[in-house]
Amino acid sequence: MAYQLIYHEFMQIPPVTRAYVTSCVLTTLAVQLDIVTPYQLYFNPELIFKNFQLWRLITNFCYFGPIGFNFLFNMLFTYRYCRFLEEGSFRGKTADFFFMFIFGGLLLTIIGFFVSTIFLGNALTIMFVYVWGRRNPLIRMNFFGLMNFQAPYLPWVLCGFSLLLGGSTTVDLMGIAVGHIYYYLEDVFPKQPGGFRTLKTPKFIEWLFETRETNEFENIVHEERPGGWQWDGQN
């Protein structure tokens, strides 16, 4: 019974959020159990393109450090704002949300060639936070009971918090920059005089998610059909 409840709650998480957060958790567990090491996961252009270790283009987004407070904090933010976006402004537009993932990951990877950073997952999370904040400007936030502010300022508050803790703000600023680029191209520029939408989700991605969602819907309908009733209009 407990298993069914957990499984039900897990499946209630939107698909892209579910897949990404699960990947992050499984990657961290694999490192914790010594199945892999962070040295096999981090972003390294030379190893990627000279040694063809292409998996690093993905795994560097899935590792947030060893299990501890920082990991739990980062996972909470990633899950929370990724889900907020997918269930909010991207509701019914799973393909567009997945394309946002690809767009953000691609830009962060390009920036990663010029910045000395080895894991980009935190930058991707800040991108989610930035886009969500700009699309929900009237929401009031409270940061650990210390200060109140509007949602668009949350990425900058997190950046300042990192600075106060003595950490680097490079990753935060990368996420803010990419988030702003996405927000401008998707939400601002198309509304300008002569503007148009530049970020169009490729047809094959739309087809992929439409097929998947149709199959899931058909499975749900099949499971929920009452026994003894023919759905062709006959008893």
C-alpha atoms as a PDB file:
ATOM      1  CA  MET A   1       0.000   0.000   0.000  1.00  0.00           C
ATOM      2  CA  ALA A   2       2.799   2.404   0.910  1.00  0.00           C
ATOM      3  CA  TYR A   3       4.603   1.488  -2.308  1.00  0.00           C
ATOM      4  CA  GLN A   4       1.498   2.246  -4.366  1.00  0.00           C
ATOM      5  CA  LEU A   5       1.069   5.600  -2.624  1.00  0.00           C
ATOM      6  CA  ILE A   6       4.694   6.566  -3.229  1.00  0.00           C
ATOM      7  CA  TYR A   7       4.486   5.432  -6.846  1.00  0.00           C
ATOM      8  CA  HIS A   8       1.264   7.402  -7.347  1.00  0.00           C
ATOM      9  CA  GLU A   9       2.797  10.570  -5.902  1.00  0.00           C
ATOM     10  CA  PHE A  10       5.938  10.074  -7.993  1.00  0.00           C
ATOM     11  CA  MET A  11       3.906   9.745 -11.183  1.00  0.00           C
ATOM     12  CA  GLN A  12       2.041  12.958 -10.349  1.00  0.00           C
ATOM     13  CA  ILE A  13       5.280  14.885 -10.923  1.00  0.00           C
ATOM     14  CA  PRO A  14       5.321  16.366 -14.456  1.00  0.00           C
ATOM     15  CA  PRO A  15       7.373  14.189 -16.845  1.00  0.00           C
ATOM     16  CA  VAL A  16      10.342  16.454 -17.600  1.00  0.00           C
ATOM     17  CA  THR A  17      10.771  17.457 -13.953  1.00  0.00           C
ATOM     18  CA  ARG A  18      10.428  13.826 -12.893  1.00  0.00           C
ATOM     19  CA  ALA A  19      13.021  12.628 -15.381  1.00  0.00           C
ATOM     20  CA  TYR A  20      15.573  15.322 -14.557  1.00  0.00           C
ATOM     21  CA  VAL A  21      15.323  15.182 -10.758  1.00  0.00           C
ATOM     22  CA  THR A  22      15.409  11.370 -10.842  1.00  0.00           C
ATOM     23  CA  SER A  23      18.531  11.499 -13.008  1.00  0.00           C
ATOM     24  CA  CYS A  24      20.195  13.851 -10.530  1.00  0.00           C
ATOM     25  CA  VAL A  25      19.334  11.658  -7.540  1.00  0.00           C
ATOM     26  CA  LEU A  26      20.458   8.440  -9.270  1.00  0.00           C
ATOM     27  CA  THR A  27      23.719  10.049 -10.397  1.00  0.00           C
ATOM     28  CA  THR A  28      24.452  11.204  -6.862  1.00  0.00           C
ATOM     29  CA  LEU A  29      23.657   7.763  -5.447  1.00  0.00           C
ATOM     30  CA  ALA A  30      25.946   6.168  -8.043  1.00  0.00           C
ATOM     31  CA  VAL A  31      28.785   8.414  -6.867  1.00  0.00           C
ATOM     32  CA  GLN A  32      27.950   7.773  -3.203  1.00  0.00           C
ATOM     33  CA  LEU A  33      28.081   3.999  -3.807  1.00  0.00           C
ATOM     34  CA  ASP A  34      31.393   4.290  -5.701  1.00  0.00           C
ATOM     35  CA  ILE A  35      29.846   3.020  -8.923  1.00  0.00           C
ATOM     36  CA  VAL A  36      31.223   6.092 -10.681  1.00  0.00           C
ATOM     37  CA  THR A  37      33.352   9.031  -9.571  1.00  0.00           C
ATOM     38  CA  PRO A  38      32.852  12.776 -10.139  1.00  0.00           C
ATOM     39  CA  TYR A  39      35.967  12.641 -12.342  1.00  0.00           C
ATOM     40  CA  GLN A  40      33.957  10.605 -14.837  1.00  0.00           C
ATOM     41  CA  LEU A  41      31.098  13.102 -14.874  1.00  0.00           C
ATOM     42  CA  TYR A  42      32.484  16.634 -14.905  1.00  0.00           C
ATOM     43  CA  PHE A  43      32.546  19.031 -17.847  1.00  0.00           C
ATOM     44  CA  ASN A  44      35.862  18.846 -19.684  1.00  0.00           C
ATOM     45  CA  PRO A  45      35.933  20.021 -23.338  1.00  0.00           C
ATOM     46  CA  GLU A  46      39.175  18.205 -24.078  1.00  0.00           C
ATOM     47  CA  LEU A  47      37.870  14.847 -22.860  1.00  0.00           C
ATOM     48  CA  ILE A  48      34.545  15.417 -24.605  1.00  0.00           C
ATOM     49  CA  PHE A  49      35.847  16.257 -28.060  1.00  0.00           C
ATOM     50  CA  LYS A  50      39.261  14.603 -28.131  1.00  0.00           C
ATOM     51  CA  ASN A  51      38.409  11.411 -26.272  1.00  0.00           C
ATOM     52  CA  PHE A  52      34.741  11.407 -27.379  1.00  0.00           C
ATOM     53  CA  GLN A  53      33.422  11.152 -23.804  1.00  0.00           C
ATOM     54  CA  LEU A  54      30.159  12.703 -24.931  1.00  0.00           C
ATOM     55  CA  TRP A  55      28.217  11.612 -21.844  1.00  0.00           C
ATOM     56  CA  ARG A  56      29.904  14.451 -19.952  1.00  0.00           C
ATOM     57  CA  LEU A  57      27.696  16.907 -21.859  1.00  0.00           C
ATOM     58  CA  ILE A  58      24.762  15.478 -19.872  1.00  0.00           C
ATOM     59  CA  THR A  59      26.238  14.134 -16.630  1.00  0.00           C
ATOM     60  CA  ASN A  60      27.759  17.477 -15.643  1.00  0.00           C
ATOM     61  CA  PHE A  61      24.175  18.763 -15.296  1.00  0.00           C
ATOM     62  CA  CYS A  62      23.137  15.831 -13.081  1.00  0.00           C
ATOM     63  CA  TYR A  63      25.660  15.964 -10.243  1.00  0.00           C
ATOM     64  CA  PHE A  64      25.206  18.480  -7.410  1.00  0.00           C
ATOM     65  CA  GLY A  65      27.868  17.195  -5.035  1.00  0.00           C
ATOM     66  CA  PRO A  66      27.851  14.567  -2.264  1.00  0.00           C
ATOM     67  CA  ILE A  67      24.720  13.929  -0.242  1.00  0.00           C
ATOM     68  CA  GLY A  68      24.408  16.576   2.434  1.00  0.00           C
ATOM     69  CA  PHE A  69      22.777  19.924   3.142  1.00  0.00           C
ATOM     70  CA  ASN A  70      23.991  21.537  -0.100  1.00  0.00           C
ATOM     71  CA  PHE A  71      22.719  18.615  -2.157  1.00  0.00           C
ATOM     72  CA  LEU A  72      19.294  18.642  -0.481  1.00  0.00           C
ATOM     73  CA  PHE A  73      19.035  22.430  -0.803  1.00  0.00           C
ATOM     74  CA  ASN A  74      19.916  22.318  -4.500  1.00  0.00           C
ATOM     75  CA  MET A  75      17.564  19.417  -5.185  1.00  0.00           C
ATOM     76  CA  LEU A  76      14.732  21.222  -3.412  1.00  0.00           C
ATOM     77  CA  PHE A  77      15.220  24.329  -5.550  1.00  0.00           C
ATOM     78  CA  THR A  78      15.615  22.338  -8.743  1.00  0.00           C
ATOM     79  CA  TYR A  79      12.498  20.262  -8.093  1.00  0.00           C
ATOM     80  CA  ARG A  80      10.439  23.200  -6.865  1.00  0.00           C
ATOM     81  CA  TYR A  81      11.046  25.679  -9.676  1.00  0.00           C
ATOM     82  CA  CYS A  82      11.291  23.125 -12.445  1.00  0.00           C
ATOM     83  CA  ARG A  83       7.882  21.821 -11.401  1.00  0.00           C
ATOM     84  CA  PHE A  84       6.470  25.331 -10.962  1.00  0.00           C
ATOM     85  CA  LEU A  85       7.376  26.105 -14.566  1.00  0.00           C
ATOM     86  CA  GLU A  86       6.162  22.809 -16.017  1.00  0.00           C
ATOM     87  CA  GLU A  87       2.833  22.994 -14.180  1.00  0.00           C
ATOM     88  CA  GLY A  88       2.490  26.752 -14.628  1.00  0.00           C
ATOM     89  CA  SER A  89       3.415  28.648 -17.770  1.00  0.00           C
ATOM     90  CA  PHE A  90       4.312  25.386 -19.568  1.00  0.00           C
ATOM     91  CA  ARG A  91       1.144  23.492 -18.612  1.00  0.00           C
ATOM     92  CA  GLY A  92       0.079  21.449 -21.620  1.00  0.00           C
ATOM     93  CA  LYS A  93       3.318  22.409 -23.415  1.00  0.00           C
ATOM     94  CA  THR A  94       5.697  19.655 -22.345  1.00  0.00           C
ATOM     95  CA  ALA A  95       7.566  19.740 -25.661  1.00  0.00           C
ATOM     96  CA  ASP A  96       8.230  23.484 -25.270  1.00  0.00           C
ATOM     97  CA  PHE A  97       9.501  22.926 -21.726  1.00  0.00           C
ATOM     98  CA  PHE A  98      11.833  20.168 -22.894  1.00  0.00           C
ATOM     99  CA  PHE A  99      13.098  22.478 -25.638  1.00  0.00           C
ATOM    100  CA  MET A 100      13.791  25.101 -22.965  1.00  0.00           C
ATOM    101  CA  PHE A 101      15.949  22.469 -21.238  1.00  0.00           C
ATOM    102  CA  ILE A 102      17.898  21.861 -24.443  1.00  0.00           C
ATOM    103  CA  PHE A 103      18.266  25.575 -25.185  1.00  0.00           C
ATOM    104  CA  GLY A 104      19.474  26.369 -21.665  1.00  0.00           C
ATOM    105  CA  GLY A 105      21.823  23.392 -21.539  1.00  0.00           C
ATOM    106  CA  LEU A 106      23.309  24.268 -24.928  1.00  0.00           C
ATOM    107  CA  LEU A 107      23.970  27.910 -24.019  1.00  0.00           C
ATOM    108  CA  LEU A 108      25.454  26.973 -20.637  1.00  0.00           C
ATOM    109  CA  THR A 109      27.693  24.416 -22.352  1.00  0.00           C
ATOM    110  CA  ILE A 110      28.956  27.067 -24.792  1.00  0.00           C
ATOM    111  CA  ILE A 111      29.649  29.463 -21.915  1.00  0.00           C
ATOM    112  CA  GLY A 112      31.365  26.598 -20.090  1.00  0.00           C
ATOM    113  CA  PHE A 113      34.075  26.570 -22.761  1.00  0.00           C
ATOM    114  CA  PHE A 114      35.155  30.038 -21.634  1.00  0.00           C
ATOM    115  CA  VAL A 115      34.532  29.771 -17.886  1.00  0.00           C
ATOM    116  CA  SER A 116      36.330  27.457 -15.501  1.00  0.00           C
ATOM    117  CA  THR A 117      33.407  25.501 -14.117  1.00  0.00           C
ATOM    118  CA  ILE A 118      33.050  21.735 -14.066  1.00  0.00           C
ATOM    119  CA  PHE A 119      29.386  21.164 -13.128  1.00  0.00           C
ATOM    120  CA  LEU A 120      26.536  23.180 -14.633  1.00  0.00           C
ATOM    121  CA  GLY A 121      23.499  21.834 -12.793  1.00  0.00           C
ATOM    122  CA  ASN A 122      23.321  24.802 -10.412  1.00  0.00           C
ATOM    123  CA  ALA A 123      23.411  27.219 -13.343  1.00  0.00           C
ATOM    124  CA  LEU A 124      20.495  25.383 -14.956  1.00  0.00           C
ATOM    125  CA  THR A 125      18.533  25.638 -11.702  1.00  0.00           C
ATOM    126  CA  ILE A 126      19.150  29.390 -11.516  1.00  0.00           C
ATOM    127  CA  MET A 127      17.884  29.628 -15.085  1.00  0.00           C
ATOM    128  CA  PHE A 128      14.602  27.971 -13.998  1.00  0.00           C
ATOM    129  CA  VAL A 129      14.337  30.338 -11.032  1.00  0.00           C
ATOM    130  CA  TYR A 130      14.994  33.388 -13.218  1.00  0.00           C
ATOM    131  CA  VAL A 131      12.383  32.499 -15.857  1.00  0.00           C
ATOM    132  CA  TRP A 132       9.806  31.573 -13.213  1.00  0.00           C
ATOM    133  CA  GLY A 133      10.431  34.821 -11.333  1.00  0.00           C
ATOM    134  CA  ARG A 134      10.056  36.976 -14.446  1.00  0.00           C
ATOM    135  CA  ARG A 135       6.806  35.222 -15.337  1.00  0.00           C
ATOM    136  CA  ASN A 136       5.424  35.659 -11.796  1.00  0.00           C
ATOM    137  CA  PRO A 137       6.487  39.216 -10.917  1.00  0.00           C
ATOM    138  CA  LEU A 138       3.780  39.848  -8.303  1.00  0.00           C
ATOM    139  CA  ILE A 139       4.554  36.879  -6.048  1.00  0.00           C
ATOM    140  CA  ARG A 140       6.067  37.896  -2.723  1.00  0.00           C
ATOM    141  CA  MET A 141       8.996  35.825  -1.456  1.00  0.00           C
ATOM    142  CA  ASN A 142      10.565  35.384   1.956  1.00  0.00           C
ATOM    143  CA  PHE A 143      14.133  34.162   2.216  1.00  0.00           C
ATOM    144  CA  PHE A 144      14.658  32.203   5.459  1.00  0.00           C
ATOM    145  CA  GLY A 145      12.594  34.845   7.270  1.00  0.00           C
ATOM    146  CA  LEU A 146      15.360  37.402   6.721  1.00  0.00           C
ATOM    147  CA  MET A 147      13.956  39.518   3.913  1.00  0.00           C
ATOM    148  CA  ASN A 148      10.905  39.999   1.716  1.00  0.00           C
ATOM    149  CA  PHE A 149      11.075  40.698  -1.997  1.00  0.00           C
ATOM    150  CA  GLN A 150       9.307  40.137  -5.313  1.00  0.00           C
ATOM    151  CA  ALA A 151       9.862  36.871  -7.214  1.00  0.00           C
ATOM    152  CA  PRO A 152      12.045  38.384 -10.005  1.00  0.00           C
ATOM    153  CA  TYR A 153      14.707  39.247  -7.424  1.00  0.00           C
ATOM    154  CA  LEU A 154      15.093  35.664  -6.160  1.00  0.00           C
ATOM    155  CA  PRO A 155      18.046  34.721  -8.445  1.00  0.00           C
ATOM    156  CA  TRP A 156      19.912  37.825  -7.309  1.00  0.00           C
ATOM    157  CA  VAL A 157      19.190  37.039  -3.657  1.00  0.00           C
ATOM    158  CA  LEU A 158      20.605  33.531  -4.181  1.00  0.00           C
ATOM    159  CA  CYS A 159      23.636  35.033  -5.897  1.00  0.00           C
ATOM    160  CA  GLY A 160      24.195  37.395  -2.949  1.00  0.00           C
ATOM    161  CA  PHE A 161      23.732  34.503  -0.518  1.00  0.00           C
ATOM    162  CA  SER A 162      26.474  32.540  -2.319  1.00  0.00           C
ATOM    163  CA  LEU A 163      28.739  35.576  -2.097  1.00  0.00           C
ATOM    164  CA  LEU A 164      28.113  35.936   1.656  1.00  0.00           C
ATOM    165  CA  LEU A 165      29.032  32.276   2.170  1.00  0.00           C
ATOM    166  CA  GLY A 166      32.333  32.856   0.413  1.00  0.00           C
ATOM    167  CA  GLY A 167      31.398  30.902  -2.691  1.00  0.00           C
ATOM    168  CA  SER A 168      31.768  31.792  -6.327  1.00  0.00           C
ATOM    169  CA  THR A 169      28.945  33.634  -8.053  1.00  0.00           C
ATOM    170  CA  THR A 170      30.083  32.576 -11.536  1.00  0.00           C
ATOM    171  CA  VAL A 171      27.565  29.743 -11.844  1.00  0.00           C
ATOM    172  CA  ASP A 172      24.720  31.945 -10.547  1.00  0.00           C
ATOM    173  CA  LEU A 173      25.531  34.686 -13.039  1.00  0.00           C
ATOM    174  CA  MET A 174      25.687  32.145 -15.864  1.00  0.00           C
ATOM    175  CA  GLY A 175      22.206  30.901 -14.978  1.00  0.00           C
ATOM    176  CA  ILE A 176      20.865  34.463 -14.744  1.00  0.00           C
ATOM    177  CA  ALA A 177      22.375  35.384 -18.124  1.00  0.00           C
ATOM    178  CA  VAL A 178      20.958  32.334 -19.908  1.00  0.00           C
ATOM    179  CA  GLY A 179      17.599  32.735 -18.157  1.00  0.00           C
ATOM    180  CA  HIS A 180      17.420  36.350 -19.317  1.00  0.00           C
ATOM    181  CA  ILE A 181      18.293  35.400 -22.899  1.00  0.00           C
ATOM    182  CA  TYR A 182      15.525  32.802 -22.926  1.00  0.00           C
ATOM    183  CA  TYR A 183      13.020  35.153 -21.308  1.00  0.00           C
ATOM    184  CA  TYR A 184      13.841  37.984 -23.734  1.00  0.00           C
ATOM    185  CA  LEU A 185      13.639  35.800 -26.847  1.00  0.00           C
ATOM    186  CA  GLU A 186      10.466  34.013 -25.749  1.00  0.00           C
ATOM    187  CA  ASP A 187       8.496  36.638 -23.796  1.00  0.00           C
ATOM    188  CA  VAL A 188       9.794  40.103 -24.703  1.00  0.00           C
ATOM    189  CA  PHE A 189      11.063  40.252 -28.282  1.00  0.00           C
ATOM    190  CA  PRO A 190       7.964  38.656 -29.925  1.00  0.00           C
ATOM    191  CA  LYS A 191       5.813  41.427 -28.398  1.00  0.00           C
ATOM    192  CA  GLN A 192       7.984  44.257 -29.735  1.00  0.00           C
ATOM    193  CA  PRO A 193       7.012  46.089 -32.943  1.00  0.00           C
ATOM    194  CA  GLY A 194       8.263  43.887 -35.756  1.00  0.00           C
ATOM    195  CA  GLY A 195       9.137  41.158 -33.303  1.00  0.00           C
ATOM    196  CA  PHE A 196       8.569  37.480 -33.851  1.00  0.00           C
ATOM    197  CA  ARG A 197       9.053  34.220 -31.982  1.00  0.00           C
ATOM    198  CA  THR A 198      12.581  32.911 -32.526  1.00  0.00           C
ATOM    199  CA  LEU A 199      12.516  29.879 -30.213  1.00  0.00           C
ATOM    200  CA  LYS A 200      10.254  27.454 -32.026  1.00  0.00           C
ATOM    201  CA  THR A 201      10.174  23.906 -30.695  1.00  0.00           C
ATOM    202  CA  PRO A 202      11.348  21.493 -33.440  1.00  0.00           C
ATOM    203  CA  LYS A 203       8.620  19.339 -34.946  1.00  0.00           C
ATOM    204  CA  PHE A 204      10.290  16.073 -33.961  1.00  0.00           C
ATOM    205  CA  ILE A 205      10.238  17.088 -30.281  1.00  0.00           C
ATOM    206  CA  GLU A 206       6.563  18.026 -30.540  1.00  0.00           C
ATOM    207  CA  TRP A 207       5.855  14.697 -32.214  1.00  0.00           C
ATOM    208  CA  LEU A 208       7.803  12.804 -29.544  1.00  0.00           C
ATOM    209  CA  PHE A 209       5.864  14.299 -26.653  1.00  0.00           C
ATOM    210  CA  GLU A 210       2.505  14.275 -28.406  1.00  0.00           C
ATOM    211  CA  THR A 211       2.908  10.535 -29.068  1.00  0.00           C
ATOM    212  CA  ARG A 212       3.954   9.876 -25.488  1.00  0.00           C
ATOM    213  CA  GLU A 213       1.128  11.915 -23.947  1.00  0.00           C
ATOM    214  CA  THR A 214      -1.438  10.298 -26.265  1.00  0.00           C
ATOM    215  CA  ASN A 215      -0.280   6.820 -25.230  1.00  0.00           C
ATOM    216  CA  GLU A 216      -0.451   7.756 -21.541  1.00  0.00           C
ATOM    217  CA  PHE A 217      -3.978   9.137 -21.997  1.00  0.00           C
ATOM    218  CA  GLU A 218      -5.107   6.003 -23.795  1.00  0.00           C
ATOM    219  CA  ASN A 219      -3.688   3.844 -20.997  1.00  0.00           C
ATOM    220  CA  ILE A 220      -5.527   5.886 -18.377  1.00  0.00           C
ATOM    221  CA  VAL A 221      -8.820   5.672 -20.288  1.00  0.00           C
ATOM    222  CA  HIS A 222      -8.374   1.920 -20.721  1.00  0.00           C
ATOM    223  CA  GLU A 223      -7.733   1.431 -16.996  1.00  0.00           C
ATOM    224  CA  GLU A 224     -10.683   3.591 -15.958  1.00  0.00           C
ATOM    225  CA  ARG A 225     -13.321   2.031 -18.223  1.00  0.00           C
ATOM    226  CA  PRO A 226     -16.050   0.505 -16.071  1.00  0.00           C
ATOM    227  CA  GLY A 227     -16.419  -3.246 -16.488  1.00  0.00           C
ATOM    228  CA  GLY A 228     -19.164  -4.577 -18.738  1.00  0.00           C
ATOM    229  CA  TRP A 229     -19.527  -1.407 -20.796  1.00  0.00           C
ATOM    230  CA  GLN A 230     -18.582  -1.225 -24.458  1.00  0.00           C
ATOM    231  CA  TRP A 231     -17.216   2.197 -25.444  1.00  0.00           C
ATOM    232  CA  ASP A 232     -18.576   1.944 -28.973  1.00  0.00           C
ATOM    233  CA  GLY A 233     -22.037   2.931 -27.795  1.00  0.00           C
ATOM    234  CA  GLN A 234     -23.323  -0.602 -27.219  1.00  0.00           C
ATOM    235  CA  ASN A 235     -24.073  -2.388 -23.969  1.00  0.00           C
END
